[in-house]
Structures are given as structure tokens and as C-alpha cells.
């Protein structure tokens, strides 16, 4: 029998409807499971059991009256630190930020509250979200449930760890260069970075998207129904659109006749690990066997593009840090300070040239994908790395060498998902990235679900270490 904390959202909702389960007992089970896991993976921020149970009791009352508040009433959800929740401070993963209560829910949190979801906790992130790890000067070090000596990825570090560990079915993270897909890959879960503006966020920023982190495509599709409502606070929010999110499961037939590009080299950054390469190539063969045409692709990113984006982000962070009082600036992770301050001597011409790489990346990505229905690739060239490290290279002057497969789709505004496609010999998950044309978020979900249905048995989810 499936434990309550492991039940998917659609199963919980069916049970609430039939009155065979209550949001209170589900929330209690999730909180008890979190209590067993948290000393080992430290995925949460603002874990407040009594507040969660109060929400669950209110949800239970609504279900007993036959008046659920919304589509996700009573379903447990976690929300990333940097997504504001009314009355709570938003530390952005760093000890340098003043802890001022947020005046209002940011759009993703507002949509969850409006639908009646039970917010069991916020989740951790690294300093300013500028690392693909769980290393933070504010939060305890977050770890990967599959192997607690490894990190969960980032910057949606706690969300990835929480989903893999079974902290309920629904989790929300953000992504500006891979921050949803990287932890999804390294934690063996599913995540969708939607088209820019599909899920409104506040504050908005070029390339930055919020998205679902779940164990299944089905639960992500359920979340998209709620999260994709327009919100005027996001200047890039897409207009309201009637998308048939409920039609995410078209079966393996959805793959028949598709032209799917296979990108095995990013054109920049770290080389692809042999076990990652083997898992993605196996996924390509499965898709081909289901009727897709697999078309090998040449890299379209360059090291100059990756370095340019890196240098521009360094200058942005350098300016932000210089604006802080010295005593607060000194609290930022030294790796981040070294990275940001390396931009201090850049000339105006060099900063402009760096910023232009965002546009060049966008143009190259759209062009490379234009003749294809979808593109598959590794999410990252590597698997989960040592938890204490800020990045796979541990080098602040080579910090982004692992995002060559993910960052192009942030700049091109295209939807891209991570779905587990295999494991290393030591049992670490490996993610397959599936990218689609701009605005084809539903298509990416459908292809992800089709792959999910043919990929074969998955390893059991990790369990908390014995006390």
C-alpha cells in the first residue's frame, strides 16, 4: 500500500472527494515523514507544522461541506524561498538580506493559496540563487536524498530534495539557467521550465521562470492548470489562454511521426559523462522505437555565448553587492563574492559584448530547433556532485560549465522539461531534457509523459536513514 506522503496529487484529490482520506491525516503523514528526513537533507525553510495543520483543518471542513476551494484544495505543496509569501521574510538564500516580511504573496504562492493547497514549508536555495547547489550562508546545507554526500542541485535545491524525499506531491521552484531542471535531473524527479511568462512571477526578469517540481508528469500538469493564470505584476505574463492541460497523457502514440533532435554535445562547458551519454542515447532509442524520427544535432551554443552570459551576470551581481553596506556584503558566500568582484575591471565595451551573447544565444537556439518538433539532450553533462561544493568545477571563474544544455532555452523562452531517464552504476539519477517550441508547454508535457510511459521501471524512491 502506498504511504500517504507518497501519493500523487490526483490520488489525494480523488480520496478527498470520496471521503476516504482527509487533508489533515495526509498533512500529518507528510509532516511526520519530513521529521524523519530533515536532519539528513535540510530541504526546508519556515517549516511550521501547526500552520500547515490549520490549513489542512480548514480544507477538511470545506471537503466535508462538499465545497472545495479550488483544484488543489488540501494537497501539500512546498514553495521556494525566493517566491514571496505574505508576512514571511524572503532571504534569497543569503545571510546578507535583511529579513523583512513580504507584503503580499508572489503570483505562484497566491495561486496556491487561492486553490486551497496546504503550504507545508518553504524550501532552501543558495545565495541569491546563483549556484547549482544547496550551499547557502542562510540555510543549512541541503543534501540529495539519493546520496546525502551529494548535493540536490540548484538553485531550487530544497524543492528538488523535497520532491525526491516525499515531502508531499507538489513543489514550486524557479529557473534562470537551469535551476528547475538541474535539481530535477540530479534528484530523479520531473520538472517543467515553462515558456517565459506562462507562469507569472514577481519580480520578473529576462529568462526567469517559475515551474512545477513533481515526481510525475501528471502532477505537473495539474499544477500548470493553477499556476498559468495571468498576473499583471509580471510584465512578461502571457495572456489568458485555454490550454487543455488535462490532455497531457496521449500515450506513446504521441511520439509517432515526431522529428526529435538529439543533442549530445552542448558546444561549451564540461564534457558529457559516459554514464549520462549512455542513458540519454538509450532514451533516444526508446523514442525511436515508439515511432519518432531521431535526428542528430550539431552544437549551437559556443563557449563565447556561455562566457558572455556569465560575465554579464557577474557584473549585475557585482553592482548589487557593491550597493550593500560592507557588513552585509561580507556575509555573502565568499565564492559568490569572488565571482561577482571579478567583473569590477570590465569596460563598458566588454559588458556590452557580454550582454549581446544573450541575444546571440536566443537566435542560435531558435534557429537550431526550428526544423524539429522537439529536442532531447542531457540536462547536465554530469550527475550530482559533492554536497559541500558550490559548483561542479569548484572554481568561481568557471562556475557555469554545467549549464550549456539548459540555459539556451531560458534565453529563447522555450519550454524545457527534465524527466528521469536512467541511473549511474552507483544509483544516482540522470535527467533527459525535452525542449519544445515557444508556447508549446502542453506538447512538452505530452512528450514527457509518453517517455515516462516507455522508459521502464524506476528505482524505489529513497527512504530516510535509520535512526
Protein backbone atom coordinates (compact mmCIF):
# COMPACT_ATOMS: atom_id res chain seq x y z
CA UNK A 1 0.00 0.00 0.00
CA UNK A 2 1.37 3.43 -0.97
CA UNK A 3 2.30 5.60 2.02
CA UNK A 4 0.24 8.79 2.30
CA UNK A 5 3.26 11.04 1.79
CA UNK A 6 4.00 9.24 -1.50
CA UNK A 7 0.51 9.57 -3.01
CA UNK A 8 0.29 11.76 -6.13
CA UNK A 9 -1.95 14.80 -6.08
CA UNK A 10 -4.66 13.32 -8.31
CA UNK A 11 -4.95 10.30 -5.99
CA UNK A 12 -5.26 12.56 -2.94
CA UNK A 13 -7.97 14.64 -4.60
CA UNK A 14 -9.93 11.52 -5.55
CA UNK A 15 -9.68 10.28 -1.96
CA UNK A 16 -10.82 13.63 -0.56
CA UNK A 17 -13.77 13.59 -2.93
CA UNK A 18 -14.71 10.07 -1.80
CA UNK A 19 -14.01 10.93 1.86
CA UNK A 20 -11.63 8.01 2.23
CA UNK A 21 -8.82 10.39 3.19
CA UNK A 22 -8.71 13.74 4.94
CA UNK A 23 -6.28 16.62 4.24
CA UNK A 24 -5.50 16.55 7.96
CA UNK A 25 -4.28 12.94 8.01
CA UNK A 26 -2.33 13.48 4.78
CA UNK A 27 -0.65 16.61 6.14
CA UNK A 28 0.14 14.80 9.40
CA UNK A 29 1.72 11.93 7.44
CA UNK A 30 3.78 14.34 5.30
CA UNK A 31 4.98 16.26 8.36
CA UNK A 32 5.94 13.04 10.15
CA UNK A 33 7.90 11.89 7.09
CA UNK A 34 9.62 15.27 6.86
CA UNK A 35 10.62 14.98 10.50
CA UNK A 36 12.42 11.72 9.71
CA UNK A 37 14.19 13.15 6.64
CA UNK A 38 15.01 16.75 7.61
CA UNK A 39 18.00 16.08 9.88
CA UNK A 40 19.66 14.40 6.88
CA UNK A 41 18.77 16.61 3.89
CA UNK A 42 17.75 20.02 5.33
CA UNK A 43 15.46 20.93 2.44
CA UNK A 44 13.06 23.29 4.23
CA UNK A 45 12.76 26.89 5.38
CA UNK A 46 9.83 28.06 7.54
CA UNK A 47 8.65 24.56 8.33
CA UNK A 48 5.70 25.35 10.62
CA UNK A 49 3.67 22.20 11.37
CA UNK A 50 0.89 23.96 13.29
CA UNK A 51 0.29 26.48 10.49
CA UNK A 52 0.17 23.65 7.95
CA UNK A 53 -2.27 21.66 10.09
CA UNK A 54 -4.50 24.71 10.48
CA UNK A 55 -4.70 24.99 6.69
CA UNK A 56 -5.42 21.26 6.47
CA UNK A 57 -8.26 21.50 9.00
CA UNK A 58 -9.82 24.35 7.03
CA UNK A 59 -9.53 22.28 3.86
CA UNK A 60 -11.07 19.26 5.57
CA UNK A 61 -14.06 21.36 6.58
CA UNK A 62 -14.54 22.55 3.01
CA UNK A 63 -14.40 18.99 1.63
CA UNK A 64 -16.92 17.82 4.27
CA UNK A 65 -19.29 20.55 3.10
CA UNK A 66 -18.69 19.47 -0.49
CA UNK A 67 -17.26 22.92 -1.26
CA UNK A 68 -13.57 22.60 -2.13
CA UNK A 69 -11.95 26.00 -2.61
CA UNK A 70 -10.11 25.07 -5.80
CA UNK A 71 -8.47 22.39 -7.89
CA UNK A 72 -5.72 21.58 -5.35
CA UNK A 73 -7.63 22.02 -2.09
CA UNK A 74 -5.87 20.13 0.70
CA UNK A 75 -2.87 18.97 -1.35
CA UNK A 76 0.50 19.62 0.33
CA UNK A 77 2.87 21.97 -1.50
CA UNK A 78 6.29 23.50 -0.83
CA UNK A 79 7.41 26.83 -2.28
CA UNK A 80 10.95 28.06 -2.91
CA UNK A 81 12.44 30.67 -0.57
CA UNK A 82 12.59 33.36 -3.31
CA UNK A 83 8.84 33.18 -4.07
CA UNK A 84 7.37 35.66 -1.60
CA UNK A 85 4.68 34.54 0.83
CA UNK A 86 2.74 37.24 2.67
CA UNK A 87 4.08 38.01 6.13
CA UNK A 88 7.26 35.98 5.72
CA UNK A 89 10.80 37.23 5.07
CA UNK A 90 12.38 36.32 1.74
CA UNK A 91 16.10 35.78 2.44
CA UNK A 92 17.07 34.65 -1.09
CA UNK A 93 19.33 32.05 0.46
CA UNK A 94 21.82 34.56 1.86
CA UNK A 95 22.64 35.96 5.29
CA UNK A 96 23.19 39.35 3.60
CA UNK A 97 19.49 40.07 3.07
CA UNK A 98 17.50 41.96 5.70
CA UNK A 99 14.62 39.81 6.92
CA UNK A 100 11.62 41.99 6.09
CA UNK A 101 8.15 40.36 5.95
CA UNK A 102 6.72 40.27 2.41
CA UNK A 103 3.69 42.50 1.88
CA UNK A 104 1.93 40.01 -0.42
CA UNK A 105 2.15 36.58 -1.97
CA UNK A 106 4.08 36.44 -5.24
CA UNK A 107 1.92 35.07 -8.10
CA UNK A 108 2.79 31.34 -7.72
CA UNK A 109 2.14 31.46 -3.97
CA UNK A 110 -1.05 33.43 -4.49
CA UNK A 111 -2.37 30.82 -6.95
CA UNK A 112 -1.61 28.03 -4.45
CA UNK A 113 -3.33 29.86 -1.61
CA UNK A 114 -6.38 30.65 -3.78
CA UNK A 115 -6.78 26.98 -4.71
CA UNK A 116 -6.62 25.81 -1.09
CA UNK A 117 -3.33 23.92 -1.26
CA UNK A 118 -1.65 23.28 2.11
CA UNK A 119 1.66 25.17 2.23
CA UNK A 120 3.73 22.87 4.43
CA UNK A 121 7.03 24.77 4.10
CA UNK A 122 9.25 27.00 2.02
CA UNK A 123 12.34 25.32 0.53
CA UNK A 124 16.01 26.22 0.50
CA UNK A 125 18.23 27.84 -2.11
CA UNK A 126 21.87 29.02 -2.35
CA UNK A 127 22.95 32.66 -2.00
CA UNK A 128 20.90 34.78 -4.43
CA UNK A 129 20.12 31.63 -6.44
CA UNK A 130 23.46 31.94 -8.20
CA UNK A 131 24.67 28.37 -7.60
CA UNK A 132 23.58 24.92 -8.77
CA UNK A 133 23.98 23.57 -5.25
CA UNK A 134 22.40 23.65 -1.82
CA UNK A 135 25.21 25.73 -0.31
CA UNK A 136 23.91 28.83 1.48
CA UNK A 137 25.03 31.33 4.12
CA UNK A 138 21.45 31.49 5.44
CA UNK A 139 20.08 27.95 5.16
CA UNK A 140 21.74 24.77 6.44
CA UNK A 141 23.47 22.75 3.71
CA UNK A 142 20.84 20.89 1.67
CA UNK A 143 21.63 17.36 0.53
CA UNK A 144 20.43 14.84 -2.02
CA UNK A 145 18.12 12.07 -0.70
CA UNK A 146 19.61 9.53 -3.16
CA UNK A 147 23.05 10.01 -1.61
CA UNK A 148 23.41 12.51 1.24
CA UNK A 149 27.08 13.05 0.42
CA UNK A 150 25.89 14.67 -2.84
CA UNK A 151 24.05 17.92 -3.39
CA UNK A 152 20.50 18.17 -4.76
CA UNK A 153 21.44 20.73 -7.40
CA UNK A 154 20.13 24.26 -7.51
CA UNK A 155 19.15 26.85 -7.25
CA UNK A 156 15.82 25.13 -6.48
CA UNK A 157 17.80 22.92 -4.14
CA UNK A 158 15.28 22.26 -1.40
CA UNK A 159 12.46 21.74 -3.90
CA UNK A 160 14.36 19.00 -5.71
CA UNK A 161 15.35 17.28 -2.47
CA UNK A 162 11.83 17.61 -1.05
CA UNK A 163 10.18 16.06 -4.11
CA UNK A 164 12.59 13.11 -4.16
CA UNK A 165 12.26 12.57 -0.41
CA UNK A 166 8.45 12.56 -0.50
CA UNK A 167 7.54 15.85 1.19
CA UNK A 168 4.15 15.62 -0.47
CA UNK A 169 3.48 15.67 -4.22
CA UNK A 170 3.79 19.34 -5.26
CA UNK A 171 6.74 21.72 -5.19
CA UNK A 172 7.44 25.08 -6.87
CA UNK A 173 10.87 26.34 -7.91
CA UNK A 174 12.37 28.91 -10.27
CA UNK A 175 14.83 28.74 -13.16
CA UNK A 176 17.01 31.31 -14.96
CA UNK A 177 19.68 29.00 -16.38
CA UNK A 178 18.65 25.52 -15.28
CA UNK A 179 17.59 25.97 -11.65
CA UNK A 180 14.49 23.76 -12.02
CA UNK A 181 15.87 21.18 -14.43
CA UNK A 182 19.28 20.63 -12.80
CA UNK A 183 17.90 19.62 -9.38
CA UNK A 184 15.19 17.64 -11.16
CA UNK A 185 17.87 15.72 -13.06
CA UNK A 186 20.06 15.11 -10.04
CA UNK A 187 17.12 14.19 -7.77
CA UNK A 188 15.35 11.93 -10.28
CA UNK A 189 12.11 13.93 -10.44
CA UNK A 190 10.13 15.75 -13.15
CA UNK A 191 10.18 19.48 -13.73
CA UNK A 192 8.99 21.85 -16.43
CA UNK A 193 10.59 25.22 -17.10
CA UNK A 194 7.68 26.77 -18.96
CA UNK A 195 7.69 29.33 -21.75
CA UNK A 196 8.65 32.74 -20.39
CA UNK A 197 5.54 34.37 -18.94
CA UNK A 198 3.45 31.17 -18.84
CA UNK A 199 3.68 31.16 -15.03
CA UNK A 200 3.78 34.77 -13.83
CA UNK A 201 6.42 35.70 -11.25
CA UNK A 202 7.24 38.82 -9.28
CA UNK A 203 9.76 40.33 -9.66
CA UNK A 204 10.08 39.33 -13.34
CA UNK A 205 13.47 39.10 -15.01
CA UNK A 206 14.60 38.13 -18.50
CA UNK A 207 14.81 34.35 -18.77
CA UNK A 208 13.50 33.72 -15.25
CA UNK A 209 10.60 31.30 -14.88
CA UNK A 210 8.76 29.55 -12.08
CA UNK A 211 7.67 25.96 -12.54
CA UNK A 212 6.44 22.71 -11.00
CA UNK A 213 8.72 20.11 -9.42
CA UNK A 214 6.96 16.77 -9.01
CA UNK A 215 7.53 13.03 -9.18
CA UNK A 216 5.20 12.63 -12.16
CA UNK A 217 4.17 14.50 -15.30
CA UNK A 218 0.54 14.13 -14.22
CA UNK A 219 1.07 16.20 -11.08
CA UNK A 220 2.99 18.86 -13.02
CA UNK A 221 0.11 19.13 -15.50
CA UNK A 222 -2.29 19.55 -12.60
CA UNK A 223 -0.15 22.38 -11.20
CA UNK A 224 0.00 24.09 -14.60
CA UNK A 225 -3.78 24.48 -14.57
CA UNK A 226 -3.43 26.64 -11.46
CA UNK A 227 -0.06 28.36 -11.92
CA UNK A 228 -0.57 29.50 -15.53
CA UNK A 229 -3.22 32.12 -14.77
CA UNK A 230 -2.12 35.62 -15.90
CA UNK A 231 -0.97 38.16 -13.31
CA UNK A 232 -0.45 41.84 -14.08
CA UNK A 233 2.51 42.06 -11.69
CA UNK A 234 4.62 40.19 -14.26
CA UNK A 235 5.32 42.50 -17.20
CA UNK A 236 6.02 39.40 -19.33
CA UNK A 237 2.92 37.46 -18.26
CA UNK A 238 1.27 35.75 -21.23
CA UNK A 239 -2.40 36.49 -21.95
CA UNK A 240 -5.05 34.11 -20.72
CA UNK A 241 -5.25 31.00 -22.88
CA UNK A 242 -7.50 27.97 -22.68
CA UNK A 243 -4.88 25.20 -22.67
CA UNK A 244 -6.11 21.62 -22.32
CA UNK A 245 -3.65 20.71 -19.56
CA UNK A 246 -5.81 17.69 -18.73
CA UNK A 247 -4.90 16.17 -22.10
CA UNK A 248 -1.23 15.71 -21.14
CA UNK A 249 -1.45 11.92 -21.46
CA UNK A 250 -1.72 10.98 -25.12
CA UNK A 251 0.18 7.72 -24.60
CA UNK A 252 3.21 6.57 -26.57
CA UNK A 253 1.20 7.23 -29.75
CA UNK A 254 2.06 10.91 -29.24
CA UNK A 255 5.62 10.10 -30.35
CA UNK A 256 4.71 8.58 -33.71
CA UNK A 257 5.94 10.70 -36.61
CA UNK A 258 7.68 13.34 -34.48
CA UNK A 259 11.01 14.79 -35.62
CA UNK A 260 13.12 14.85 -32.47
CA UNK A 261 16.59 16.34 -32.45
CA UNK A 262 19.28 14.60 -30.39
CA UNK A 263 21.88 16.98 -28.97
CA UNK A 264 24.73 15.15 -27.25
CA UNK A 265 27.29 17.97 -27.10
CA UNK A 266 26.49 21.39 -25.69
CA UNK A 267 29.29 23.16 -27.59
CA UNK A 268 30.64 24.61 -24.35
CA UNK A 269 31.45 23.70 -20.78
CA UNK A 270 32.17 20.31 -19.28
CA UNK A 271 32.31 17.14 -21.38
CA UNK A 272 29.38 14.74 -21.02
CA UNK A 273 29.97 11.95 -18.51
CA UNK A 274 29.93 8.49 -20.17
CA UNK A 275 27.07 7.23 -17.97
CA UNK A 276 25.00 10.32 -18.81
CA UNK A 277 25.73 9.85 -22.52
CA UNK A 278 24.67 6.19 -22.38
CA UNK A 279 21.41 6.95 -20.57
CA UNK A 280 20.37 9.72 -22.99
CA UNK A 281 21.26 7.64 -26.04
CA UNK A 282 19.17 4.79 -24.61
CA UNK A 283 16.27 7.23 -24.19
CA UNK A 284 16.65 8.24 -27.84
CA UNK A 285 16.42 4.60 -28.92
CA UNK A 286 13.24 4.15 -26.88
CA UNK A 287 11.68 7.19 -28.53
CA UNK A 288 12.73 5.94 -31.94
CA UNK A 289 11.24 2.54 -31.19
CA UNK A 290 7.94 4.25 -30.39
CA UNK A 291 7.81 5.86 -33.83
CA UNK A 292 9.78 9.11 -33.55
CA UNK A 293 12.49 10.04 -36.03
CA UNK A 294 15.70 10.89 -34.17
CA UNK A 295 17.88 13.47 -35.88
CA UNK A 296 21.44 14.02 -34.55
CA UNK A 297 22.23 17.71 -34.00
CA UNK A 298 25.41 19.74 -34.03
CA UNK A 299 26.05 22.04 -31.06
CA UNK A 300 24.61 25.54 -31.42
CA UNK A 301 25.95 27.06 -28.22
CA UNK A 302 29.54 28.34 -28.04
CA UNK A 303 31.90 28.96 -25.15
CA UNK A 304 31.76 32.67 -26.03
CA UNK A 305 27.98 32.66 -25.51
CA UNK A 306 28.27 30.92 -22.14
CA UNK A 307 31.14 33.16 -21.02
CA UNK A 308 29.30 36.29 -22.11
CA UNK A 309 26.21 35.44 -20.08
CA UNK A 310 28.43 34.53 -17.14
CA UNK A 311 30.33 37.84 -17.32
CA UNK A 312 27.14 39.89 -17.59
CA UNK A 313 25.66 38.13 -14.55
CA UNK A 314 28.93 38.76 -12.69
CA UNK A 315 28.62 42.48 -13.35
CA UNK A 316 24.96 42.52 -12.32
CA UNK A 317 25.85 40.76 -9.05
CA UNK A 318 28.91 42.97 -8.53
CA UNK A 319 26.76 46.09 -8.76
CA UNK A 320 24.15 44.58 -6.42
CA UNK A 321 26.79 43.62 -3.85
CA UNK A 322 28.53 46.98 -4.02
CA UNK A 323 25.23 48.61 -3.11
CA UNK A 324 25.14 46.70 0.19
CA UNK A 325 26.67 48.05 3.42
CA UNK A 326 30.08 46.45 3.98
CA UNK A 327 28.94 44.42 6.98
CA UNK A 328 26.15 42.82 4.93
CA UNK A 329 28.30 42.33 1.84
CA UNK A 330 30.79 40.41 3.97
CA UNK A 331 28.07 37.88 4.81
CA UNK A 332 27.69 36.74 1.17
CA UNK A 333 29.25 33.38 0.34
CA UNK A 334 32.94 34.03 -0.49
CA UNK A 335 32.64 32.04 -3.73
CA UNK A 336 29.85 34.38 -4.88
CA UNK A 337 31.82 37.49 -3.84
CA UNK A 338 34.90 36.31 -5.73
CA UNK A 339 32.79 35.54 -8.81
CA UNK A 340 30.99 38.89 -8.75
CA UNK A 341 34.02 41.03 -7.94
CA UNK A 342 35.96 39.52 -10.85
CA UNK A 343 33.81 41.78 -13.07
CA UNK A 344 34.97 45.00 -11.41
CA UNK A 345 37.52 45.81 -14.12
CA UNK A 346 35.30 45.09 -17.12
CA UNK A 347 34.97 48.02 -19.52
CA UNK A 348 31.68 49.28 -20.90
CA UNK A 349 32.52 47.68 -24.23
CA UNK A 350 33.22 44.34 -22.57
CA UNK A 351 29.93 44.45 -20.64
CA UNK A 352 28.02 45.30 -23.82
CA UNK A 353 29.73 42.47 -25.70
CA UNK A 354 28.88 40.12 -22.84
CA UNK A 355 25.24 41.22 -22.80
CA UNK A 356 24.97 40.68 -26.56
CA UNK A 357 25.60 36.96 -26.03
CA UNK A 358 22.09 36.61 -24.60
CA UNK A 359 20.64 37.70 -27.95
CA UNK A 360 23.05 35.54 -29.94
CA UNK A 361 22.12 32.55 -27.79
CA UNK A 362 18.43 33.18 -28.36
CA UNK A 363 18.85 33.45 -32.14
CA UNK A 364 21.03 30.34 -32.35
CA UNK A 365 18.68 28.26 -30.20
CA UNK A 366 15.53 29.15 -32.13
CA UNK A 367 17.29 28.52 -35.45
CA UNK A 368 18.65 25.14 -34.36
CA UNK A 369 15.21 23.97 -33.18
CA UNK A 370 13.12 25.42 -35.99
CA UNK A 371 13.03 22.34 -38.26
CA UNK A 372 12.29 19.97 -35.36
CA UNK A 373 9.26 19.17 -33.24
CA UNK A 374 11.27 18.65 -30.05
CA UNK A 375 14.89 18.42 -28.94
CA UNK A 376 16.28 15.95 -26.41
CA UNK A 377 19.62 16.16 -24.65
CA UNK A 378 21.22 15.60 -21.27
CA UNK A 379 20.01 18.10 -18.69
CA UNK A 380 23.58 18.36 -17.43
CA UNK A 381 26.88 16.82 -18.51
CA UNK A 382 27.42 15.46 -15.00
CA UNK A 383 25.49 13.83 -12.18
CA UNK A 384 25.04 15.11 -8.63
CA UNK A 385 28.34 16.30 -7.16
CA UNK A 386 29.72 16.66 -3.63
CA UNK A 387 27.23 18.48 -1.39
CA UNK A 388 29.75 20.91 0.08
CA UNK A 389 30.86 22.25 -3.32
CA UNK A 390 29.26 25.39 -4.79
CA UNK A 391 29.58 24.11 -8.37
CA UNK A 392 30.89 21.03 -10.22
CA UNK A 393 34.19 22.81 -11.01
CA UNK A 394 34.53 24.42 -7.56
CA UNK A 395 36.05 27.35 -9.47
CA UNK A 396 34.42 30.81 -9.19
CA UNK A 397 35.96 31.78 -12.53
CA UNK A 398 34.42 28.69 -14.22
CA UNK A 399 31.10 28.49 -12.38
CA UNK A 400 28.63 27.75 -15.19
CA UNK A 401 30.36 24.98 -17.11
CA UNK A 402 27.44 22.62 -16.44
CA UNK A 403 24.54 24.75 -17.83
CA UNK A 404 25.31 24.61 -21.56
CA UNK A 405 22.34 22.32 -22.24
CA UNK A 406 19.81 24.21 -20.09
CA UNK A 407 20.48 27.95 -20.36
CA UNK A 408 19.72 28.30 -24.11
CA UNK A 409 16.02 27.66 -23.52
CA UNK A 410 15.79 30.37 -20.87
CA UNK A 411 17.07 32.88 -23.40
CA UNK A 412 14.89 31.59 -26.27
CA UNK A 413 11.81 31.48 -23.97
CA UNK A 414 11.12 27.86 -24.98
CA UNK A 415 9.62 25.29 -22.61
CA UNK A 416 12.00 22.55 -21.48
CA UNK A 417 11.49 19.67 -19.06
CA UNK A 418 13.65 17.24 -17.14
CA UNK A 419 12.45 13.65 -16.82
CA UNK A 420 14.46 10.82 -15.31
CA UNK A 421 15.95 8.50 -17.92
CA UNK A 422 18.33 6.27 -16.00
CA UNK A 423 20.82 5.85 -13.19
CA UNK A 424 24.55 5.58 -12.73
CA UNK A 425 26.10 2.34 -11.53
CA UNK A 426 26.04 3.83 -8.02
CA UNK A 427 22.33 4.65 -8.28
CA UNK A 428 22.39 8.40 -8.96
CA UNK A 429 19.58 9.65 -11.25
CA UNK A 430 20.19 11.03 -14.76
CA UNK A 431 17.83 13.53 -16.39
CA UNK A 432 16.70 13.74 -20.01
CA UNK A 433 15.88 17.26 -21.20
CA UNK A 434 12.92 17.61 -23.58
CA UNK A 435 12.55 21.04 -25.18
CA UNK A 436 9.78 22.30 -27.45
CA UNK A 437 8.87 25.35 -29.49
CA UNK A 438 7.97 28.56 -27.71
CA UNK A 439 4.49 28.32 -26.12
CA UNK A 440 4.27 24.53 -26.71
CA UNK A 441 4.27 23.79 -22.99
CA UNK A 442 1.48 21.22 -23.32
CA UNK A 443 3.39 19.43 -26.09
CA UNK A 444 6.47 19.16 -23.89
CA UNK A 445 4.31 17.66 -21.14
CA UNK A 446 2.78 15.20 -23.60
CA UNK A 447 6.14 14.04 -24.94
CA UNK A 448 7.49 13.82 -21.39
CA UNK A 449 4.51 11.71 -20.36
CA UNK A 450 4.95 9.50 -23.42
CA UNK A 451 8.60 8.93 -22.50
CA UNK A 452 7.61 8.34 -18.87
CA UNK A 453 5.30 5.55 -20.09
CA UNK A 454 8.03 3.71 -22.07
CA UNK A 455 11.17 4.28 -20.00
CA UNK A 456 10.80 1.14 -17.90
CA UNK A 457 10.82 0.52 -14.15
CA UNK A 458 12.29 3.18 -11.90
CA UNK A 459 14.32 2.67 -8.75
CA UNK A 460 12.32 2.91 -5.50
CA UNK A 461 12.31 6.39 -4.01
CA UNK A 462 14.98 6.89 -1.30
CA UNK A 463 13.98 6.41 2.33
CA UNK A 464 15.27 8.28 5.37
CA UNK A 465 18.30 6.68 7.04
CA UNK A 466 17.53 4.54 10.06
CA UNK A 467 17.64 6.50 13.30
